[in-house]
Protein backbone atom coordinates (compact mmCIF):
# COMPACT_ATOMS: atom_id res chain seq x y z
CA MET A 1 0.05 0.30 0.31
CA VAL A 2 1.03 3.31 -1.08
CA THR A 3 2.00 5.13 2.26
CA GLN A 4 3.49 8.11 0.92
CA MET A 5 2.66 10.87 -1.65
CA ARG A 6 4.14 14.90 -3.17
CA SER A 7 2.29 17.43 -1.94
CA ALA A 8 3.52 21.37 -3.35
CA ARG A 9 4.49 23.04 0.17
CA LEU A 10 4.59 26.99 1.45
CA HIS A 11 7.60 27.01 3.19
CA GLU A 12 8.12 30.58 3.36
CA PRO A 13 5.86 33.61 2.19
CA GLY A 14 6.77 35.18 -1.08
CA LYS A 15 9.26 31.92 -1.66
CA PRO A 16 8.72 29.65 -4.56
CA LEU A 17 6.73 26.27 -3.68
CA ARG A 18 8.77 23.02 -2.57
CA ILE A 19 7.74 19.42 -3.50
CA ASP A 20 8.00 17.47 -0.66
CA ARG A 21 7.48 13.43 0.19
CA VAL A 22 4.98 13.15 2.92
CA GLU A 23 2.76 10.89 4.43
CA ARG A 24 -0.41 10.28 2.60
CA PRO A 25 -3.24 11.34 4.53
CA GLN A 26 -5.41 8.43 5.99
CA PRO A 27 -9.46 9.94 6.06
CA ARG A 28 -10.95 9.56 9.41
CA PRO A 29 -14.30 7.11 9.78
CA SER A 30 -16.45 10.14 8.69
CA ASP A 31 -14.08 11.85 5.55
CA VAL A 32 -13.19 10.38 1.87
CA LEU A 33 -9.50 10.32 0.60
CA VAL A 34 -9.45 12.03 -3.08
CA GLU A 35 -6.86 11.42 -5.46
CA VAL A 36 -6.53 14.64 -7.10
CA ARG A 37 -6.09 14.77 -10.93
CA ALA A 38 -6.36 18.58 -11.31
CA CYS A 39 -6.47 21.72 -9.54
CA GLY A 40 -6.97 25.14 -10.31
CA VAL A 41 -4.48 28.42 -10.35
CA ILE A 42 -6.29 31.22 -9.73
CA PRO A 43 -4.76 35.10 -10.15
CA ASN A 44 -5.05 35.31 -6.15
CA MET A 45 -2.70 32.88 -5.33
CA ASN A 46 0.53 34.98 -5.68
CA ALA A 47 -0.60 37.29 -3.18
CA ILE A 48 -1.70 35.03 -0.89
CA PHE A 49 1.09 33.25 -0.71
CA SER A 50 2.98 36.24 -0.09
CA GLY A 51 1.71 36.88 3.46
CA THR A 52 1.31 40.70 2.78
CA LEU A 53 -2.06 40.62 3.28
CA TRP A 54 -4.93 40.08 6.00
CA ASN A 55 -5.43 36.75 5.34
CA HIS A 56 -4.62 33.71 7.40
CA LEU A 57 -1.73 31.08 6.16
CA PRO A 58 -1.93 27.81 7.62
CA PRO A 59 0.90 26.60 10.03
CA LEU A 60 4.20 26.38 8.22
CA PRO A 61 5.35 24.31 6.06
CA ALA A 62 1.89 24.53 4.54
CA SER A 63 0.34 22.15 1.92
CA VAL A 64 -1.57 24.09 -0.81
CA GLY A 65 -3.77 24.26 -3.70
CA LEU A 66 -7.48 26.08 -3.41
CA ASP A 67 -9.61 23.91 -6.57
CA ALA A 68 -9.45 20.13 -6.27
CA ALA A 69 -11.27 17.59 -8.84
CA GLY A 70 -10.13 13.82 -8.69
CA ILE A 71 -11.81 10.40 -8.06
CA VAL A 72 -12.78 9.18 -4.52
CA ALA A 73 -10.44 6.47 -3.48
CA GLU A 74 -11.21 6.02 -0.42
CA VAL A 75 -14.20 5.98 2.09
CA GLY A 76 -14.56 6.38 5.89
CA GLU A 77 -16.34 3.14 7.65
CA ASN A 78 -19.58 6.35 8.70
CA VAL A 79 -19.54 7.28 5.19
CA ALA A 80 -22.80 6.42 3.31
CA GLY A 81 -23.68 7.96 -0.08
CA VAL A 82 -20.23 8.28 -1.17
CA ALA A 83 -18.34 5.62 -3.29
CA THR A 84 -15.13 5.05 -4.32
CA GLY A 85 -14.53 6.35 -7.80
CA GLU A 86 -16.98 8.55 -8.12
CA ARG A 87 -15.63 11.85 -10.01
CA VAL A 88 -15.56 14.85 -7.55
CA TYR A 89 -15.00 18.40 -7.09
CA VAL A 90 -13.77 19.62 -3.43
CA ASN A 91 -15.31 22.18 -2.15
CA PRO A 92 -12.47 23.54 0.06
CA TRP A 93 -14.96 26.28 2.27
CA LEU A 94 -14.31 25.04 5.59
CA SER A 95 -16.77 25.79 8.63
CA CYS A 96 -16.69 25.06 12.42
CA GLY A 97 -20.88 23.87 12.38
CA GLU A 98 -20.91 25.21 15.99
CA CYS A 99 -21.10 29.28 15.54
CA ALA A 100 -24.05 30.88 15.88
CA TYR A 101 -24.33 31.18 12.16
CA CYS A 102 -23.65 27.37 11.46
CA ARG A 103 -26.01 26.51 14.23
CA ARG A 104 -28.56 28.55 12.36
CA GLY A 105 -27.43 27.27 9.06
CA ASP A 106 -25.57 29.59 7.22
CA PRO A 107 -22.13 28.47 7.49
CA MET A 108 -21.22 30.95 4.72
CA LEU A 109 -21.05 33.58 7.35
CA CYS A 110 -18.84 30.94 9.90
CA THR A 111 -16.66 33.29 12.42
CA CYS A 112 -14.46 30.33 11.97
CA ALA A 113 -14.36 29.98 8.14
CA ALA A 114 -11.39 28.53 5.83
CA PHE A 115 -10.22 27.52 2.62
CA GLN A 116 -8.48 24.04 2.98
CA GLY A 117 -5.22 24.39 1.23
CA TYR A 118 -5.31 28.29 1.40
CA PHE A 119 -5.86 30.76 4.25
CA GLY A 120 -8.14 31.63 7.34
CA PHE A 121 -10.61 34.25 7.10
CA PHE A 122 -9.96 34.46 11.14
CA PRO A 123 -7.24 33.92 13.44
CA GLN A 124 -9.67 31.33 15.13
CA SER A 125 -9.43 29.55 11.48
CA HIS A 126 -6.55 27.40 12.69
CA ARG A 127 -8.65 24.27 13.63
CA ALA A 128 -10.05 23.97 10.66
CA LEU A 129 -7.45 24.30 8.55
CA ALA A 130 -5.70 21.57 10.84
CA THR A 131 -8.35 19.03 10.69
CA TYR A 132 -7.86 19.36 6.71
CA PRO A 133 -4.36 20.37 6.39
CA PHE A 134 -3.69 18.93 2.55
CA GLY A 135 -4.33 21.32 -0.65
CA GLY A 136 -4.98 19.97 -3.92
CA PHE A 137 -1.68 20.32 -5.31
CA SER A 138 -1.15 17.34 -3.45
CA GLU A 139 -1.76 13.97 -5.26
CA TYR A 140 -4.24 12.82 -2.18
CA ILE A 141 -6.52 15.42 -0.23
CA THR A 142 -8.96 14.39 2.56
CA ALA A 143 -12.34 16.07 2.48
CA SER A 144 -15.96 15.15 4.25
CA PRO A 145 -18.72 14.19 2.10
CA ASP A 146 -20.68 17.42 2.63
CA ARG A 147 -18.37 18.99 0.40
CA LEU A 148 -18.13 17.15 -2.26
CA VAL A 149 -19.53 17.65 -6.26
CA ILE A 150 -20.60 14.79 -8.11
CA LEU A 151 -19.14 15.89 -11.49
CA PRO A 152 -20.60 14.14 -14.13
CA ASP A 153 -18.99 12.16 -17.13
CA GLY A 154 -19.54 15.46 -19.70
CA VAL A 155 -17.68 17.47 -16.93
CA THR A 156 -13.58 17.18 -17.14
CA PHE A 157 -11.49 17.11 -13.83
CA ASP A 158 -9.70 20.22 -15.81
CA GLN A 159 -12.96 21.83 -15.61
CA GLY A 160 -13.87 20.67 -12.28
CA ALA A 161 -10.87 22.91 -11.29
CA ARG A 162 -12.43 25.76 -12.19
CA PHE A 163 -15.55 25.65 -10.16
CA GLY A 164 -14.31 27.50 -7.13
CA TYR A 165 -14.28 30.89 -9.44
CA MET A 166 -17.50 29.89 -11.49
CA GLY A 167 -19.01 29.11 -8.20
CA THR A 168 -18.07 32.48 -7.22
CA SER A 169 -19.89 33.94 -10.35
CA PHE A 170 -22.99 31.66 -9.57
CA ALA A 171 -23.74 32.66 -6.24
CA ALA A 172 -24.08 36.36 -7.01
CA LEU A 173 -26.00 35.52 -10.40
CA ARG A 174 -28.64 33.76 -7.76
CA ALA A 175 -28.35 36.44 -5.16
CA GLY A 176 -29.62 38.82 -8.11
CA LYS A 177 -32.30 36.47 -9.22
CA VAL A 178 -30.88 36.02 -12.84
CA GLY A 179 -33.22 34.15 -15.17
CA GLY A 180 -34.67 33.99 -18.53
CA GLY A 181 -35.09 37.94 -19.58
CA SER A 182 -32.40 39.21 -16.92
CA SER A 183 -30.32 42.11 -18.23
CA ILE A 184 -27.09 42.12 -16.36
CA ALA A 185 -23.30 43.66 -16.63
CA ILE A 186 -20.20 42.56 -15.42
CA ASN A 187 -17.64 45.27 -14.57
CA GLY A 188 -14.71 43.28 -15.18
CA ILE A 189 -15.71 40.86 -17.96
CA THR A 190 -12.56 40.11 -19.17
CA GLY A 191 -11.40 38.00 -15.58
CA THR A 192 -11.73 35.01 -14.59
CA LEU A 193 -14.67 35.87 -12.49
CA GLY A 194 -16.08 37.74 -15.00
CA ALA A 195 -15.65 35.08 -17.90
CA GLY A 196 -17.31 32.58 -15.45
CA ALA A 197 -20.32 34.97 -15.06
CA THR A 198 -20.40 35.46 -18.66
CA LEU A 199 -20.79 31.84 -19.40
CA LEU A 200 -23.71 31.03 -16.50
CA ALA A 201 -25.38 34.53 -17.18
CA LEU A 202 -26.00 32.50 -20.78
CA ALA A 203 -27.20 29.45 -19.41
CA MET A 204 -29.46 30.92 -16.77
CA GLY A 205 -31.26 32.76 -19.45
CA ALA A 206 -30.00 36.35 -19.50
CA THR A 207 -30.82 37.85 -22.75
CA CYS A 208 -28.28 41.21 -22.49
CA VAL A 209 -24.92 40.91 -20.91
CA LEU A 210 -23.02 44.10 -20.75
CA GLY A 211 -18.86 43.74 -20.26
CA LEU A 212 -17.25 46.27 -19.12
CA GLY A 213 -13.55 45.26 -19.50
CA ARG A 214 -9.51 46.34 -20.55
CA ASN A 215 -8.35 43.69 -22.56
CA ARG A 216 -10.00 43.96 -25.89
CA GLU A 217 -8.90 41.13 -27.41
CA VAL A 218 -10.68 38.75 -24.45
CA MET A 219 -13.73 40.64 -24.71
CA ALA A 220 -13.81 40.11 -28.70
CA ARG A 221 -13.49 36.50 -27.55
CA LEU A 222 -16.57 36.79 -25.11
CA LYS A 223 -19.08 38.32 -27.66
CA THR A 224 -18.47 35.40 -30.29
CA LEU A 225 -20.35 33.13 -27.36
CA ALA A 226 -23.75 35.06 -28.45
CA PRO A 227 -23.00 37.98 -30.70
CA GLU A 228 -26.76 39.08 -30.15
CA ARG A 229 -26.92 38.95 -26.45
CA ILE A 230 -23.20 39.74 -25.29
CA HIS A 231 -22.50 43.64 -25.71
CA THR A 232 -19.10 44.93 -24.66
CA LEU A 233 -17.31 48.38 -23.61
CA ALA A 234 -13.78 49.10 -23.32
CA LEU A 235 -13.10 50.94 -20.20
CA GLY A 236 -12.52 54.90 -21.34
CA GLU A 237 -14.42 54.44 -24.65
CA GLY A 238 -17.28 56.28 -23.25
CA PRO A 239 -19.59 57.07 -20.92
CA ILE A 240 -20.28 53.63 -18.90
CA ALA A 241 -24.09 54.43 -17.77
CA ASP A 242 -24.97 56.38 -20.34
CA TRP A 243 -23.91 53.02 -22.60
CA MET A 244 -25.57 50.39 -20.29
CA ARG A 245 -28.86 52.35 -20.60
CA ALA A 246 -28.85 52.36 -24.08
CA HIS A 247 -28.68 48.68 -24.31
CA THR A 248 -31.64 48.55 -22.27
CA ASP A 249 -33.94 50.71 -23.58
CA GLY A 250 -32.95 53.83 -21.17
CA LEU A 251 -34.02 51.95 -18.09
CA GLY A 252 -30.54 50.42 -16.82
CA VAL A 253 -29.88 46.33 -16.04
CA ASP A 254 -31.56 44.55 -13.44
CA VAL A 255 -28.21 43.34 -12.05
CA LEU A 256 -24.44 44.65 -12.04
CA ILE A 257 -21.81 42.02 -10.96
CA ASP A 258 -18.89 43.96 -10.28
CA CYS A 259 -15.71 41.82 -10.39
CA SER A 260 -13.40 44.44 -9.70
CA GLY A 261 -10.51 43.22 -7.47
CA ARG A 262 -7.90 45.59 -4.86
CA ALA A 263 -6.06 47.13 -7.23
CA ALA A 264 -9.09 48.44 -9.33
CA ALA A 265 -10.54 52.09 -9.19
CA ALA A 266 -14.23 52.43 -7.41
CA ALA A 267 -14.85 55.21 -9.66
CA THR A 268 -15.37 52.74 -12.30
CA THR A 269 -17.51 50.98 -10.25
CA ALA A 270 -19.89 54.27 -9.08
CA GLN A 271 -20.41 54.76 -12.45
CA ALA A 272 -21.72 51.95 -13.51
CA LEU A 273 -23.64 51.55 -10.63
CA HIS A 274 -26.23 54.66 -12.37
CA GLY A 275 -26.44 52.05 -15.17
CA LEU A 276 -28.97 50.00 -12.73
CA LYS A 277 -32.39 50.22 -13.33
CA ARG A 278 -35.21 51.21 -10.53
CA GLY A 279 -35.20 47.74 -8.25
CA GLY A 280 -31.65 47.18 -9.39
CA ILE A 281 -29.03 45.03 -7.24
CA ALA A 282 -25.32 45.37 -7.41
CA ILE A 283 -23.11 42.38 -6.41
CA ASN A 284 -19.51 42.66 -5.43
CA ILE A 285 -17.47 39.46 -5.77
CA GLY A 286 -13.90 40.75 -6.60
CA ALA A 287 -12.94 42.56 -3.52
CA LEU A 288 -13.02 45.83 -4.17
CA THR A 289 -10.60 47.81 -1.59
CA GLU A 290 -11.11 51.63 -2.61
CA THR A 291 -14.00 53.44 -0.79
CA LEU A 292 -16.91 53.54 -3.00
CA ALA A 293 -19.08 56.44 -2.53
CA ILE A 294 -22.67 55.62 -2.70
CA GLU A 295 -25.62 58.54 -2.58
CA PRO A 296 -28.46 57.01 -0.16
CA ILE A 297 -31.00 58.88 -1.16
CA ARG A 298 -30.91 57.66 -4.59
CA PHE A 299 -30.63 54.34 -3.27
CA MET A 300 -33.50 54.61 -0.93
CA THR A 301 -35.43 56.33 -3.79
CA ALA A 302 -35.24 53.55 -6.74
CA ARG A 303 -35.06 50.74 -3.80
CA LEU A 304 -31.47 50.01 -5.30
CA ALA A 305 -29.68 47.49 -3.11
CA PHE A 306 -25.66 46.66 -2.85
CA ARG A 307 -24.10 43.49 -1.41
CA GLY A 308 -21.18 41.54 -0.94
CA SER A 309 -21.16 37.60 -1.77
CA ASN A 310 -18.29 35.50 -1.45
CA TRP A 311 -17.67 31.72 -2.63
CA PHE A 312 -20.94 29.41 -2.92
CA THR A 313 -22.27 26.32 -1.28
CA THR A 314 -21.49 22.89 -2.34
CA GLY A 315 -25.39 22.77 -3.48
CA GLU A 316 -24.73 25.56 -5.48
CA GLY A 317 -22.08 23.45 -7.16
CA GLN A 318 -23.89 20.69 -7.45
CA LEU A 319 -26.04 22.78 -9.67
CA MET A 320 -23.54 23.83 -11.74
CA ALA A 321 -22.27 20.32 -12.44
CA ASP A 322 -25.63 19.37 -13.05
CA MET A 323 -25.96 22.10 -15.55
CA ALA A 324 -22.86 21.42 -17.14
CA GLY A 325 -24.12 17.58 -17.62
CA ALA A 326 -27.01 18.13 -19.26
CA GLY A 327 -25.31 20.70 -21.65
CA VAL A 328 -26.92 23.97 -20.65
CA LEU A 329 -23.55 25.55 -19.01
CA ASP A 330 -21.18 25.13 -21.81
CA LEU A 331 -17.75 24.99 -20.48
CA SER A 332 -16.02 24.45 -23.74
CA PRO A 333 -15.08 27.88 -24.65
CA LEU A 334 -12.31 27.23 -21.52
CA THR A 335 -8.76 26.83 -22.53
CA VAL A 336 -6.65 24.62 -20.21
CA GLN A 337 -2.98 25.03 -19.77
CA ALA A 338 -2.16 21.91 -18.06
CA TYR A 339 1.28 21.87 -15.73
CA PRO A 340 2.84 18.97 -13.65
CA LEU A 341 3.31 18.63 -10.14
CA GLU A 342 6.90 19.67 -10.37
CA ARG A 343 6.26 22.95 -12.21
CA ILE A 344 3.78 24.34 -10.11
CA ASN A 345 6.07 27.47 -9.61
CA ASP A 346 6.22 27.92 -13.54
CA ALA A 347 1.86 27.64 -13.03
CA LEU A 348 1.72 30.32 -10.38
CA GLU A 349 4.03 32.28 -12.69
CA ALA A 350 2.04 32.39 -15.62
CA VAL A 351 -1.13 33.11 -14.05
CA LYS A 352 0.67 36.26 -13.29
CA ALA A 353 0.26 37.66 -16.49
CA ARG A 354 -3.65 37.53 -16.41
CA PRO A 355 -4.11 35.46 -19.62
CA GLY A 356 -7.39 35.94 -19.84
CA GLY A 357 -10.91 34.52 -18.21
CA LEU A 358 -11.09 32.26 -20.53
CA VAL A 359 -7.66 30.35 -20.08
CA ASN A 360 -7.80 27.58 -17.21
CA ILE A 361 -4.54 27.05 -15.55
CA VAL A 362 -4.38 23.88 -13.55
CA VAL A 363 -1.73 21.70 -12.33
CA HIS A 364 -2.18 17.55 -12.33
CA PRO A 365 -0.41 16.26 -9.16
CA HIS A 366 -0.14 12.96 -10.61
CA GLN A 367 2.26 14.02 -13.93
């Protein structure tokens, strides 16, 4: 029986990851062991691993890797409903099950929340990180069955490894009640979150998708997905709110998905807010840090809303998988750039260039 495995570990913040040989984890009676076939590499990873942000890194050296997809290799003796050989995505969201939010059935607000193989949101997140200490840049990881998304045969492991960012966009679209006939705007459409939101909005029936961004090449590629439904505007080419209203019969959009990140200018979001229709909602999923000025009286009189959305539930992940399996959600536009585990640092370097939201950079731990 194999007792060891390879795992990419962070030994020092801001330094390259090292490929170490470590003891293969054994699943607890209530857990499963997953053989990782693909793990996503996301734009924010380099910033997190630098150790300079607010995020609480696991104790070092730490096995890292966020979005793992693979095959269930073993099941604990108390696990029912999950079988060996099943193809899964592992939702890395960890919650304590004990705090006031978890007890009321809202683990997404857990006061001890953490991402397996990534970071904790609070100092007290260390227990969750210690319970599941292996990240997706490992040959094997353990997980609780309630965090498994079953992947249909038509969804590849590489596509499953994109579910983290896809799910973040999906939860925001659901919060905005996007459906048939909806009009939405995506600020930052060319990024990983924005491209995922575009694919999902089309699948959910949005008839008008307006995209704001800088990368004209990616915007042109996205428009080819549904030329009659998708319209794009490069930042600086014209007044944002006027353009949004011009494409929605003067009303504005039902939902604004704001994917602008830490380094983005809040002024763009502020302009896009003026393109919301009465009763519309803006949802930030990009972690914009610059202070955003709003006009409370306008939000009151037009019954507008602004909220944040962070990650997604396993149930929402399963809905995405089922939509893809049924052919409703088309993941084929994603272009895969795959790296073996030994080249994990090359993959992290490649994502720094932000090659565009449809490029899916993944690591294959068993190669």
